[in-house]
Amino acid sequence: YYGNMHCAIAMCISLPNALVCKLNSTLNSFRPAYWAFYIDADMKRYFGFIFFAFLLAIAAGCRNNNSSSMPQSGTIQNVADIPMENDTAKIAVNYAKGFKVNYLGNLKLVEISDPSANNPAVYKFALGEDISGDIPQGYTPIKIPVNSVICMTTLQLAGFITLGETGKVSGMSSTRFLHNATVRKQIEEGITRRIGIEGNFDTEVIMNINPNLIYFSPFKRGGYESLKDVGIPLVPHLGYKEPHPLGQAEWIKFIALFINEEAKANRIFNDIAQQYNTLKGKVAQVAPEQRPAVLSGEIHGGSWYAVGGESFLAQLFKDAGA
């Protein structure tokens, strides 16, 4: 369970014993506390309740070696067209639809939009260690790396957890579904402070924290209008609207752009994508008649809400063999 999406991801897969054991072994590399995997050998039914954050739960490798080399051209270029000594220090977006990045001199030009294309709003930010020069028109400058942020959802927080940068999270909204021991300890020690819940934020606490920026979900009714008066940059995080599981996972790169950890984020995500696609390929061998039907949703306010056929959950079920 990860915060505002009140929906567990249920995978029900009928597979041969050997393949299930392999899947179980591979999933063990993700480690808890983001998933649980159960096997009923007698029924030969295998049920996995895998929370999305398992995509972001692979342990990180070495830290960023900071060997970034920015282009000096005065024109905006796509990352794929820029010659680099170390490609791992740049971001190339492959699955996510909600953000993109281009490079102009020493600036990272980030554009954020609705992955589902239901809202035409586009948010533009120019990230740089030196933002005293010319900034392209329409872009909001943000000095990086940021050292203090506020997260509104656990999906946003997941990027900092996976990158090993929870110390930069100075504030959070509701911690009801927060189970990470490190962040919970930070809250107990006052390193990370509670700022209230959506619709009832404590602006005094936020101003006392005085973070470099606040990540928020712009298309939700969360009382974010009141935060605009605080004078702290609001940066949209729309990972929750990505239609593909790997698209959601790729938002770890988005977080990395603000803390100069692109190399680490690329390594982590590449490992996630490789393992995900490997498992997807194995499940694809299951015959159609062996694939289970999956019903997923939740009861809320006396009504049953089911996921759509083109949603993130539906895609995950399909990739899992349903």
Protein backbone atom coordinates (compact mmCIF):
# COMPACT_ATOMS: atom_id res chain seq x y z
CA TYR A 1 0.00 0.00 0.00
CA TYR A 2 1.54 3.28 -0.95
CA GLY A 3 -0.34 6.26 0.29
CA ASN A 4 -3.01 7.91 -1.79
CA MET A 5 -3.79 5.07 -4.23
CA HIS A 6 -6.10 3.05 -1.97
CA CYS A 7 -5.61 -0.15 -3.84
CA ALA A 8 -3.42 -3.19 -3.24
CA ILE A 9 -1.92 -4.80 -6.32
CA ALA A 10 -2.98 -8.44 -6.44
CA MET A 11 -1.26 -10.87 -8.76
CA CYS A 12 -2.77 -14.33 -9.19
CA ILE A 13 -0.57 -16.58 -11.35
CA SER A 14 -0.89 -20.28 -12.22
CA LEU A 15 2.56 -21.53 -13.16
CA PRO A 16 4.66 -24.71 -13.01
CA ASN A 17 6.44 -25.26 -9.70
CA ALA A 18 9.91 -24.68 -11.12
CA LEU A 19 8.98 -21.31 -12.65
CA VAL A 20 7.24 -20.14 -9.49
CA CYS A 21 10.29 -21.03 -7.44
CA LYS A 22 12.40 -18.99 -9.86
CA LEU A 23 10.01 -16.05 -9.65
CA ASN A 24 10.03 -16.27 -5.88
CA SER A 25 13.82 -16.39 -5.80
CA THR A 26 14.12 -13.40 -8.11
CA LEU A 27 11.55 -11.37 -6.19
CA ASN A 28 13.49 -12.08 -3.01
CA SER A 29 16.21 -9.80 -4.37
CA PHE A 30 13.82 -6.87 -3.87
CA ARG A 31 13.56 -7.61 -0.14
CA PRO A 32 10.63 -6.63 2.11
CA ALA A 33 8.87 -4.47 3.37
CA TYR A 34 7.20 -3.67 0.08
CA TRP A 35 5.90 -7.07 -0.97
CA ALA A 36 4.85 -10.45 0.32
CA PHE A 37 4.77 -13.63 -1.74
CA TYR A 38 2.70 -16.66 -0.78
CA ILE A 39 2.68 -20.17 -2.27
CA ASP A 40 -0.10 -22.76 -1.87
CA ALA A 41 1.52 -25.95 -3.18
CA ASP A 42 -1.56 -28.13 -2.72
CA MET A 43 -3.79 -25.98 -4.89
CA LYS A 44 -0.90 -25.10 -7.22
CA ARG A 45 -2.13 -21.54 -7.12
CA TYR A 46 0.31 -18.79 -6.52
CA PHE A 47 -0.89 -15.52 -5.13
CA GLY A 48 1.37 -12.46 -4.89
CA PHE A 49 0.40 -9.26 -3.22
CA ILE A 50 3.08 -6.97 -4.58
CA PHE A 51 3.01 -3.32 -3.74
CA PHE A 52 4.26 -0.91 -6.37
CA ALA A 53 7.16 0.20 -4.26
CA PHE A 54 8.85 -3.19 -4.88
CA LEU A 55 9.94 -1.64 -8.15
CA LEU A 56 11.91 0.88 -6.13
CA ALA A 57 13.18 -1.46 -3.42
CA ILE A 58 16.38 -2.76 -5.02
CA ALA A 59 19.39 -1.72 -3.01
CA ALA A 60 21.51 0.95 -4.63
CA GLY A 61 25.09 0.36 -5.69
CA CYS A 62 27.92 2.81 -5.51
CA ARG A 63 27.29 6.53 -5.06
CA ASN A 64 27.38 8.99 -7.93
CA ASN A 65 30.95 9.61 -9.04
CA ASN A 66 29.97 13.17 -10.05
CA SER A 67 31.74 12.84 -13.38
CA SER A 68 29.01 14.75 -15.19
CA SER A 69 29.97 16.66 -18.32
CA MET A 70 27.44 19.27 -19.46
CA PRO A 71 27.31 20.43 -23.08
CA GLN A 72 28.35 24.00 -23.76
CA SER A 73 26.11 24.57 -26.75
CA GLY A 74 23.63 27.43 -26.56
CA THR A 75 20.80 25.34 -28.04
CA ILE A 76 18.56 22.85 -26.28
CA GLN A 77 19.52 19.30 -27.13
CA ASN A 78 17.95 15.96 -26.38
CA VAL A 79 20.03 13.86 -24.02
CA ALA A 80 20.44 11.17 -26.68
CA ASP A 81 22.19 13.67 -28.98
CA ILE A 82 24.70 15.00 -26.44
CA PRO A 83 28.22 13.53 -26.50
CA MET A 84 29.15 12.46 -22.99
CA GLU A 85 32.12 10.94 -21.27
CA ASN A 86 29.82 9.18 -18.84
CA ASP A 87 26.28 8.50 -20.07
CA THR A 88 25.21 7.25 -16.63
CA ALA A 89 25.41 10.84 -15.30
CA LYS A 90 22.57 11.97 -17.61
CA ILE A 91 18.91 11.08 -17.68
CA ALA A 92 17.14 9.47 -20.62
CA VAL A 93 13.44 8.77 -20.07
CA ASN A 94 12.27 5.49 -21.59
CA TYR A 95 8.97 4.54 -19.94
CA ALA A 96 7.62 7.54 -18.04
CA LYS A 97 5.31 9.88 -19.97
CA GLY A 98 4.98 12.59 -17.35
CA PHE A 99 8.41 14.21 -17.44
CA LYS A 100 11.29 14.85 -19.77
CA VAL A 101 14.66 16.53 -19.46
CA ASN A 102 16.87 18.44 -21.88
CA TYR A 103 20.22 20.09 -21.29
CA LEU A 104 21.26 23.66 -22.02
CA GLY A 105 24.75 24.59 -20.93
CA ASN A 106 24.88 23.85 -17.21
CA LEU A 107 21.11 23.75 -16.86
CA LYS A 108 18.76 20.78 -16.72
CA LEU A 109 15.48 21.81 -18.33
CA VAL A 110 12.70 19.69 -16.87
CA GLU A 111 9.14 19.62 -18.22
CA ILE A 112 6.33 17.93 -16.29
CA SER A 113 2.91 17.10 -17.70
CA ASP A 114 -0.03 14.80 -17.10
CA PRO A 115 0.97 11.25 -18.20
CA SER A 116 -2.66 10.48 -19.00
CA ALA A 117 -2.96 13.65 -21.13
CA ASN A 118 -6.21 14.59 -19.38
CA ASN A 119 -4.85 17.93 -18.22
CA PRO A 120 -3.00 20.27 -20.62
CA ALA A 121 -0.92 21.99 -17.92
CA VAL A 122 2.86 21.86 -18.41
CA TYR A 123 5.26 22.77 -15.62
CA LYS A 124 8.79 23.86 -16.52
CA PHE A 125 11.84 24.10 -14.28
CA ALA A 126 15.47 25.05 -14.94
CA LEU A 127 17.75 23.21 -12.53
CA GLY A 128 21.32 24.29 -12.04
CA GLU A 129 24.08 24.82 -9.52
CA ASP A 130 24.37 28.34 -10.88
CA ILE A 131 21.07 29.96 -11.85
CA SER A 132 22.33 33.54 -11.95
CA GLY A 133 22.59 33.56 -15.75
CA ASP A 134 19.94 33.62 -18.44
CA ILE A 135 17.03 31.26 -17.82
CA PRO A 136 14.86 30.21 -20.79
CA GLN A 137 11.51 31.95 -20.85
CA GLY A 138 8.75 30.08 -19.06
CA TYR A 139 11.07 28.10 -16.80
CA THR A 140 11.20 28.47 -13.02
CA PRO A 141 14.81 28.36 -11.77
CA ILE A 142 15.72 26.03 -8.91
CA LYS A 143 19.19 25.86 -7.43
CA ILE A 144 20.49 22.31 -7.05
CA PRO A 145 21.35 20.08 -5.38
CA VAL A 146 18.44 20.58 -2.99
CA ASN A 147 19.13 19.60 0.61
CA SER A 148 15.67 19.94 2.13
CA VAL A 149 12.34 18.88 0.62
CA ILE A 150 8.78 18.11 1.68
CA CYS A 151 7.02 15.03 0.30
CA MET A 152 3.25 14.72 0.17
CA THR A 153 3.01 11.02 -0.71
CA THR A 154 4.95 7.84 -0.01
CA LEU A 155 5.43 7.40 -3.76
CA GLN A 156 7.45 10.62 -3.77
CA LEU A 157 9.29 9.48 -0.65
CA ALA A 158 10.16 6.13 -2.26
CA GLY A 159 12.67 7.81 -4.57
CA PHE A 160 14.62 9.26 -1.65
CA ILE A 161 14.49 5.96 0.24
CA THR A 162 15.86 4.00 -2.71
CA LEU A 163 18.57 6.56 -3.42
CA GLY A 164 19.62 6.53 0.24
CA GLU A 165 18.82 10.23 0.64
CA THR A 166 16.08 10.26 3.26
CA GLY A 167 18.04 12.84 5.24
CA LYS A 168 16.95 15.41 2.66
CA VAL A 169 13.26 14.84 3.47
CA SER A 170 12.51 17.50 6.08
CA GLY A 171 8.74 17.20 6.07
CA MET A 172 5.92 14.82 5.21
CA SER A 173 2.16 14.85 5.20
CA SER A 174 0.27 11.87 6.63
CA THR A 175 2.53 9.07 7.87
CA ARG A 176 -0.30 6.59 8.39
CA PHE A 177 1.02 4.15 5.80
CA LEU A 178 4.70 4.87 6.35
CA HIS A 179 6.62 1.73 7.31
CA ASN A 180 10.21 2.66 6.48
CA ALA A 181 12.23 2.36 9.69
CA THR A 182 14.76 5.01 8.71
CA VAL A 183 12.17 7.69 8.00
CA ARG A 184 10.15 6.78 11.08
CA LYS A 185 13.29 7.26 13.16
CA GLN A 186 13.87 10.63 11.50
CA ILE A 187 10.35 11.66 12.50
CA GLU A 188 10.92 10.55 16.09
CA GLU A 189 14.16 12.52 16.22
CA GLY A 190 12.62 15.61 14.62
CA ILE A 191 14.73 15.41 11.46
CA THR A 192 11.57 14.93 9.41
CA ARG A 193 8.46 16.77 10.62
CA ARG A 194 4.76 16.15 10.02
CA ILE A 195 3.13 19.04 8.16
CA GLY A 196 -0.50 17.95 8.47
CA ILE A 197 -2.75 16.19 6.02
CA GLU A 198 -4.10 17.14 2.62
CA GLY A 199 -6.56 19.98 2.96
CA ASN A 200 -5.26 20.92 6.39
CA PHE A 201 -1.57 21.71 6.09
CA ASP A 202 0.23 23.47 8.92
CA THR A 203 1.77 26.38 7.01
CA GLU A 204 3.59 27.56 10.13
CA VAL A 205 5.46 24.27 10.38
CA ILE A 206 6.22 24.40 6.65
CA MET A 207 7.65 27.90 6.93
CA ASN A 208 9.74 26.84 9.93
CA ILE A 209 11.16 23.95 7.91
CA ASN A 210 11.78 26.33 5.00
CA PRO A 211 12.58 23.58 2.47
CA ASN A 212 14.15 24.17 -0.92
CA LEU A 213 10.98 22.82 -2.57
CA ILE A 214 7.74 20.94 -1.99
CA TYR A 215 6.70 17.97 -4.13
CA PHE A 216 2.94 17.86 -4.63
CA SER A 217 0.17 16.30 -6.73
CA PRO A 218 -1.36 19.20 -8.69
CA PHE A 219 -4.46 17.44 -10.01
CA LYS A 220 -5.71 16.28 -6.62
CA ARG A 221 -7.96 18.16 -4.24
CA GLY A 222 -5.41 18.50 -1.52
CA GLY A 223 -5.62 22.11 -0.39
CA TYR A 224 -2.43 22.99 -2.22
CA GLU A 225 -3.61 26.49 -3.04
CA SER A 226 -2.70 27.58 0.47
CA LEU A 227 0.89 26.48 -0.11
CA LYS A 228 1.35 28.94 -2.97
CA ASP A 229 1.36 31.79 -0.47
CA VAL A 230 4.26 30.28 1.48
CA GLY A 231 6.75 31.30 -1.21
CA ILE A 232 8.41 27.89 -1.54
CA PRO A 233 8.69 26.33 -5.03
CA LEU A 234 6.01 23.70 -5.68
CA VAL A 235 7.20 20.89 -7.94
CA PRO A 236 4.56 18.52 -9.37
CA HIS A 237 5.18 14.81 -8.98
CA LEU A 238 2.83 12.90 -11.30
CA GLY A 239 4.30 9.42 -11.06
CA TYR A 240 1.02 8.11 -9.67
CA LYS A 241 -0.67 8.82 -13.02
CA GLU A 242 1.74 6.77 -15.12
CA PRO A 243 -0.09 3.93 -16.93
CA HIS A 244 2.87 1.54 -16.88
CA PRO A 245 4.58 0.09 -13.76
CA LEU A 246 8.03 0.86 -15.13
CA GLY A 247 6.84 4.35 -15.97
CA GLN A 248 6.03 4.88 -12.30
CA ALA A 249 9.33 3.35 -11.23
CA GLU A 250 11.25 5.63 -13.60
CA TRP A 251 10.28 8.67 -11.52
CA ILE A 252 13.25 7.81 -9.35
CA LYS A 253 15.22 9.57 -12.11
CA PHE A 254 13.03 12.63 -11.66
CA ILE A 255 13.97 12.81 -7.97
CA ALA A 256 17.62 12.24 -8.86
CA LEU A 257 17.67 15.33 -11.11
CA PHE A 258 17.13 17.57 -8.09
CA ILE A 259 19.85 16.01 -5.93
CA ASN A 260 22.49 15.27 -8.60
CA GLU A 261 22.18 11.49 -8.22
CA GLU A 262 21.46 10.63 -11.84
CA ALA A 263 24.18 7.99 -12.07
CA LYS A 264 22.80 6.05 -9.12
CA ALA A 265 19.21 6.40 -10.31
CA ASN A 266 20.11 5.09 -13.76
CA ARG A 267 21.83 2.04 -12.29
CA ILE A 268 18.94 1.26 -9.98
CA PHE A 269 16.26 1.71 -12.61
CA ASN A 270 18.13 -0.30 -15.24
CA ASP A 271 18.32 -3.18 -12.76
CA ILE A 272 14.59 -2.85 -12.01
CA ALA A 273 13.64 -2.78 -15.69
CA GLN A 274 15.84 -5.77 -16.53
CA GLN A 275 14.40 -7.93 -13.76
CA TYR A 276 10.82 -6.81 -14.44
CA ASN A 277 11.07 -7.57 -18.15
CA THR A 278 12.78 -10.89 -17.49
CA LEU A 279 9.90 -12.01 -15.27
CA LYS A 280 7.39 -10.63 -17.74
CA GLY A 281 8.98 -12.69 -20.50
CA LYS A 282 8.78 -15.89 -18.48
CA VAL A 283 5.13 -15.34 -17.61
CA ALA A 284 4.38 -14.67 -21.29
CA GLN A 285 5.01 -18.36 -21.95
CA VAL A 286 1.92 -19.36 -19.94
CA ALA A 287 -0.91 -20.64 -22.14
CA PRO A 288 -4.06 -18.48 -22.29
CA GLU A 289 -6.23 -21.19 -20.75
CA GLN A 290 -3.92 -21.30 -17.71
CA ARG A 291 -4.15 -17.57 -17.04
CA PRO A 292 -6.37 -16.59 -14.10
CA ALA A 293 -9.01 -13.88 -14.10
CA VAL A 294 -8.25 -11.09 -11.64
CA LEU A 295 -10.75 -8.79 -9.97
CA SER A 296 -9.19 -5.88 -8.11
CA GLY A 297 -10.63 -2.87 -6.38
CA GLU A 298 -11.78 -1.54 -3.04
CA ILE A 299 -14.89 -0.78 -1.05
CA HIS A 300 -15.12 2.89 -0.23
CA GLY A 301 -18.17 4.63 1.17
CA GLY A 302 -20.36 1.61 0.52
CA SER A 303 -19.39 1.39 -3.17
CA TRP A 304 -17.03 -0.99 -4.98
CA TYR A 305 -14.44 0.68 -7.18
CA ALA A 306 -12.68 -1.45 -9.80
CA VAL A 307 -9.59 -0.50 -11.79
CA GLY A 308 -9.88 0.40 -15.48
CA GLY A 309 -8.68 -1.88 -18.23
CA GLU A 310 -5.95 0.54 -19.32
CA SER A 311 -4.75 1.47 -15.85
CA PHE A 312 -1.40 0.93 -14.17
CA LEU A 313 -2.88 -1.97 -12.20
CA ALA A 314 -4.35 -3.61 -15.30
CA GLN A 315 -0.97 -3.44 -17.00
CA LEU A 316 0.69 -4.99 -13.96
CA PHE A 317 -1.85 -7.83 -13.90
CA LYS A 318 -1.28 -8.44 -17.61
CA ASP A 319 2.50 -8.51 -17.19
CA ALA A 320 2.06 -10.91 -14.26
CA GLY A 321 0.21 -13.40 -16.41
CA ALA A 322 -3.47 -12.64 -15.86
